[in-house]
C-alpha atoms as a PDB file:
ATOM      1  CA  UNK A   1      -6.256  26.398 -25.930  1.00  0.00           C
ATOM      2  CA  UNK A   2      -4.590  27.115 -22.584  1.00  0.00           C
ATOM      3  CA  UNK A   3      -7.420  25.691 -20.988  1.00  0.00           C
ATOM      4  CA  UNK A   4      -7.513  22.520 -23.160  1.00  0.00           C
ATOM      5  CA  UNK A   5      -3.611  22.102 -22.201  1.00  0.00           C
ATOM      6  CA  UNK A   6      -4.161  22.733 -18.713  1.00  0.00           C
ATOM      7  CA  UNK A   7      -7.250  20.142 -18.596  1.00  0.00           C
ATOM      8  CA  UNK A   8      -4.948  17.517 -20.337  1.00  0.00           C
ATOM      9  CA  UNK A   9      -1.877  18.235 -17.896  1.00  0.00           C
ATOM     10  CA  UNK A  10      -4.184  17.707 -14.981  1.00  0.00           C
ATOM     11  CA  UNK A  11      -5.754  14.533 -16.069  1.00  0.00           C
ATOM     12  CA  UNK A  12      -2.487  12.780 -17.151  1.00  0.00           C
ATOM     13  CA  UNK A  13      -0.902  13.945 -13.804  1.00  0.00           C
ATOM     14  CA  UNK A  14      -3.611  12.302 -11.770  1.00  0.00           C
ATOM     15  CA  UNK A  15      -3.270   9.184 -14.102  1.00  0.00           C
ATOM     16  CA  UNK A  16       0.315   9.088 -13.571  1.00  0.00           C
ATOM     17  CA  UNK A  17      -0.162   9.087  -9.680  1.00  0.00           C
ATOM     18  CA  UNK A  18      -2.642   6.056  -9.657  1.00  0.00           C
ATOM     19  CA  UNK A  19      -0.601   3.972 -11.888  1.00  0.00           C
ATOM     20  CA  UNK A  20       0.587   0.603 -10.202  1.00  0.00           C
ATOM     21  CA  UNK A  21       4.283   0.498  -9.582  1.00  0.00           C
ATOM     22  CA  UNK A  22       4.585  -2.805 -10.928  1.00  0.00           C
ATOM     23  CA  UNK A  23       8.257  -3.027  -9.165  1.00  0.00           C
ATOM     24  CA  UNK A  24       6.544  -3.064  -5.843  1.00  0.00           C
ATOM     25  CA  UNK A  25       6.582  -6.586  -3.985  1.00  0.00           C
ATOM     26  CA  UNK A  26       3.884  -6.482  -1.185  1.00  0.00           C
ATOM     27  CA  UNK A  27       4.438  -8.580   2.221  1.00  0.00           C
ATOM     28  CA  UNK A  28       2.232  -9.502   5.240  1.00  0.00           C
ATOM     29  CA  UNK A  29       3.286  -9.907   8.585  1.00  0.00           C
ATOM     30  CA  UNK A  30       0.652 -11.134  11.186  1.00  0.00           C
ATOM     31  CA  UNK A  31      -2.131  -9.520   8.644  1.00  0.00           C
ATOM     32  CA  UNK A  32      -0.266  -6.367   8.418  1.00  0.00           C
ATOM     33  CA  UNK A  33       0.727  -5.063   4.988  1.00  0.00           C
ATOM     34  CA  UNK A  34       4.292  -3.851   4.307  1.00  0.00           C
ATOM     35  CA  UNK A  35       6.502  -4.049   1.099  1.00  0.00           C
ATOM     36  CA  UNK A  36       9.680  -6.416   0.969  1.00  0.00           C
ATOM     37  CA  UNK A  37      11.721  -3.285   0.550  1.00  0.00           C
ATOM     38  CA  UNK A  38      10.554  -2.257   4.116  1.00  0.00           C
ATOM     39  CA  UNK A  39      11.244  -5.734   5.639  1.00  0.00           C
ATOM     40  CA  UNK A  40      14.816  -5.623   4.391  1.00  0.00           C
ATOM     41  CA  UNK A  41      15.823  -3.101   7.087  1.00  0.00           C
ATOM     42  CA  UNK A  42      14.412  -5.451   9.668  1.00  0.00           C
ATOM     43  CA  UNK A  43      16.043  -8.248   9.088  1.00  0.00           C
ATOM     44  CA  UNK A  44      16.887  -8.986  12.976  1.00  0.00           C
ATOM     45  CA  UNK A  45      13.095  -9.153  13.391  1.00  0.00           C
ATOM     46  CA  UNK A  46      12.293 -12.074  10.965  1.00  0.00           C
ATOM     47  CA  UNK A  47      12.008 -15.578  11.979  1.00  0.00           C
ATOM     48  CA  UNK A  48      10.865 -16.992   8.681  1.00  0.00           C
ATOM     49  CA  UNK A  49       9.614 -16.068   4.976  1.00  0.00           C
ATOM     50  CA  UNK A  50       7.381 -17.842   2.510  1.00  0.00           C
ATOM     51  CA  UNK A  51       6.748 -16.893  -0.919  1.00  0.00           C
ATOM     52  CA  UNK A  52       3.704 -17.279  -2.736  1.00  0.00           C
ATOM     53  CA  UNK A  53       2.447 -16.596  -6.177  1.00  0.00           C
ATOM     54  CA  UNK A  54      -0.846 -15.109  -6.856  1.00  0.00           C
ATOM     55  CA  UNK A  55      -2.370 -18.462  -7.993  1.00  0.00           C
ATOM     56  CA  UNK A  56      -1.063 -20.389  -4.905  1.00  0.00           C
ATOM     57  CA  UNK A  57      -1.876 -18.067  -1.910  1.00  0.00           C
ATOM     58  CA  UNK A  58      -3.144 -19.839   1.000  1.00  0.00           C
ATOM     59  CA  UNK A  59      -6.480 -19.323   2.492  1.00  0.00           C
ATOM     60  CA  UNK A  60      -5.321 -16.509   5.157  1.00  0.00           C
ATOM     61  CA  UNK A  61      -3.738 -14.631   2.284  1.00  0.00           C
ATOM     62  CA  UNK A  62      -6.452 -14.730  -0.273  1.00  0.00           C
ATOM     63  CA  UNK A  63      -7.600 -11.370   1.088  1.00  0.00           C
ATOM     64  CA  UNK A  64      -4.629  -9.962  -0.353  1.00  0.00           C
ATOM     65  CA  UNK A  65      -4.779 -11.415  -3.778  1.00  0.00           C
ATOM     66  CA  UNK A  66      -5.235  -7.978  -5.328  1.00  0.00           C
ATOM     67  CA  UNK A  67      -1.583  -7.353  -4.189  1.00  0.00           C
ATOM     68  CA  UNK A  68      -0.106 -10.314  -5.233  1.00  0.00           C
ATOM     69  CA  UNK A  69       0.514  -9.488  -8.973  1.00  0.00           C
ATOM     70  CA  UNK A  70       4.314  -9.878  -8.485  1.00  0.00           C
ATOM     71  CA  UNK A  71       3.950 -12.397  -5.767  1.00  0.00           C
ATOM     72  CA  UNK A  72       3.301 -12.093  -2.148  1.00  0.00           C
ATOM     73  CA  UNK A  73       5.893 -12.411   0.773  1.00  0.00           C
ATOM     74  CA  UNK A  74       4.582 -13.582   4.041  1.00  0.00           C
ATOM     75  CA  UNK A  75       7.188 -12.816   6.991  1.00  0.00           C
ATOM     76  CA  UNK A  76       6.953 -14.516  10.488  1.00  0.00           C
ATOM     77  CA  UNK A  77       8.276 -11.888  12.908  1.00  0.00           C
ATOM     78  CA  UNK A  78      10.023 -13.172  16.261  1.00  0.00           C
ATOM     79  CA  UNK A  79       7.976 -12.459  19.149  1.00  0.00           C
ATOM     80  CA  UNK A  80      10.662 -11.068  21.566  1.00  0.00           C
ATOM     81  CA  UNK A  81      11.684  -8.303  19.210  1.00  0.00           C
ATOM     82  CA  UNK A  82       8.444  -6.232  19.846  1.00  0.00           C
ATOM     83  CA  UNK A  83       6.084  -4.869  17.508  1.00  0.00           C
ATOM     84  CA  UNK A  84       6.498  -2.597  14.476  1.00  0.00           C
ATOM     85  CA  UNK A  85       4.223   0.600  14.228  1.00  0.00           C
ATOM     86  CA  UNK A  86       1.094  -0.001  12.397  1.00  0.00           C
ATOM     87  CA  UNK A  87      -2.074   1.650  11.725  1.00  0.00           C
ATOM     88  CA  UNK A  88      -5.414   1.302   9.821  1.00  0.00           C
ATOM     89  CA  UNK A  89      -5.834   3.034   6.336  1.00  0.00           C
ATOM     90  CA  UNK A  90      -8.995   4.883   7.459  1.00  0.00           C
ATOM     91  CA  UNK A  91      -6.729   6.677  10.015  1.00  0.00           C
ATOM     92  CA  UNK A  92      -4.781   8.047   6.966  1.00  0.00           C
ATOM     93  CA  UNK A  93      -8.169   9.298   5.368  1.00  0.00           C
ATOM     94  CA  UNK A  94      -9.060  10.972   8.783  1.00  0.00           C
ATOM     95  CA  UNK A  95      -5.654  12.817   8.982  1.00  0.00           C
ATOM     96  CA  UNK A  96      -6.248  14.269   5.560  1.00  0.00           C
ATOM     97  CA  UNK A  97     -10.079  14.997   6.427  1.00  0.00           C
ATOM     98  CA  UNK A  98     -11.475  12.528   4.058  1.00  0.00           C
ATOM     99  CA  UNK A  99     -14.203   9.965   4.785  1.00  0.00           C
ATOM    100  CA  UNK A 100     -12.833   6.848   6.735  1.00  0.00           C
ATOM    101  CA  UNK A 101     -13.850   4.420   3.847  1.00  0.00           C
ATOM    102  CA  UNK A 102     -12.270   6.291   1.102  1.00  0.00           C
ATOM    103  CA  UNK A 103     -10.015   3.863  -0.980  1.00  0.00           C
ATOM    104  CA  UNK A 104      -6.328   4.647  -0.293  1.00  0.00           C
ATOM    105  CA  UNK A 105      -3.627   3.770  -2.993  1.00  0.00           C
ATOM    106  CA  UNK A 106      -0.318   2.592  -2.206  1.00  0.00           C
ATOM    107  CA  UNK A 107       2.126   2.663  -5.057  1.00  0.00           C
ATOM    108  CA  UNK A 108      -1.089   2.896  -7.521  1.00  0.00           C
ATOM    109  CA  UNK A 109      -2.719  -0.658  -5.979  1.00  0.00           C
ATOM    110  CA  UNK A 110      -6.261   0.561  -4.650  1.00  0.00           C
ATOM    111  CA  UNK A 111      -6.909  -0.410  -1.172  1.00  0.00           C
ATOM    112  CA  UNK A 112     -10.666  -0.544  -0.817  1.00  0.00           C
ATOM    113  CA  UNK A 113     -10.970  -1.914   2.729  1.00  0.00           C
ATOM    114  CA  UNK A 114      -9.763   0.742   4.825  1.00  0.00           C
ATOM    115  CA  UNK A 115      -9.740  -1.263   7.810  1.00  0.00           C
ATOM    116  CA  UNK A 116      -6.500  -2.859   6.442  1.00  0.00           C
ATOM    117  CA  UNK A 117      -3.539  -2.467   8.800  1.00  0.00           C
ATOM    118  CA  UNK A 118      -0.380  -1.264   7.297  1.00  0.00           C
ATOM    119  CA  UNK A 119       3.235  -0.811   8.885  1.00  0.00           C
ATOM    120  CA  UNK A 120       4.043   2.743   9.740  1.00  0.00           C
ATOM    121  CA  UNK A 121       7.438   2.576   7.751  1.00  0.00           C
ATOM    122  CA  UNK A 122       5.413   2.225   4.553  1.00  0.00           C
ATOM    123  CA  UNK A 123       3.845   5.599   4.672  1.00  0.00           C
ATOM    124  CA  UNK A 124       7.054   7.671   3.500  1.00  0.00           C
ATOM    125  CA  UNK A 125       5.545   9.894   0.871  1.00  0.00           C
ATOM    126  CA  UNK A 126       2.086  10.731   1.257  1.00  0.00           C
ATOM    127  CA  UNK A 127      -0.492  13.152  -0.815  1.00  0.00           C
ATOM    128  CA  UNK A 128      -3.692  13.829  -1.584  1.00  0.00           C
ATOM    129  CA  UNK A 129      -4.885  12.950  -5.388  1.00  0.00           C
ATOM    130  CA  UNK A 130      -7.668  13.399  -7.497  1.00  0.00           C
ATOM    131  CA  UNK A 131      -9.058  10.021  -8.078  1.00  0.00           C
ATOM    132  CA  UNK A 132     -11.802  10.524 -10.860  1.00  0.00           C
ATOM    133  CA  UNK A 133     -13.317  13.546  -9.357  1.00  0.00           C
ATOM    134  CA  UNK A 134     -13.048  12.431  -5.670  1.00  0.00           C
ATOM    135  CA  UNK A 135      -9.839  13.039  -3.244  1.00  0.00           C
ATOM    136  CA  UNK A 136      -7.937  10.047  -2.009  1.00  0.00           C
ATOM    137  CA  UNK A 137      -4.587   9.428  -0.179  1.00  0.00           C
ATOM    138  CA  UNK A 138      -1.821   8.128  -2.119  1.00  0.00           C
ATOM    139  CA  UNK A 139       1.317   6.654  -0.807  1.00  0.00           C
ATOM    140  CA  UNK A 140       4.509   6.276  -2.870  1.00  0.00           C
ATOM    141  CA  UNK A 141       6.863   3.772  -1.024  1.00  0.00           C
ATOM    142  CA  UNK A 142      10.007   4.366  -3.566  1.00  0.00           C
ATOM    143  CA  UNK A 143      11.845   7.387  -3.911  1.00  0.00           C
END
């Protein structure tokens, strides 16, 4: 009975960690992914903003359509303010000893293209989770 209960708890916790956080609104600036909440801290670096619904994404943002469930915000950053830290998701996998092409989860959204660049500020709470029998990096952006 204990084994059954333990198995159930392990499965349910893995499922919980992989669920999408539907309150997360993703944003893109220069093909680099962040969240709207993250960009709120950098208002002095923002030159312009455009909001898009999933159905009306322009061609340059269609590759991020899997993130546009709650809409997608495109930010234009001021060039004179410098660049925010960024890194490809494959580097996160390498830091945790996983294959570079292992999908990464950010707030439950699966990023299968690990060449995707994300802003460093997005990476607050990192952990390795069990994703259907294989390990994967999971990032939680909200506290």
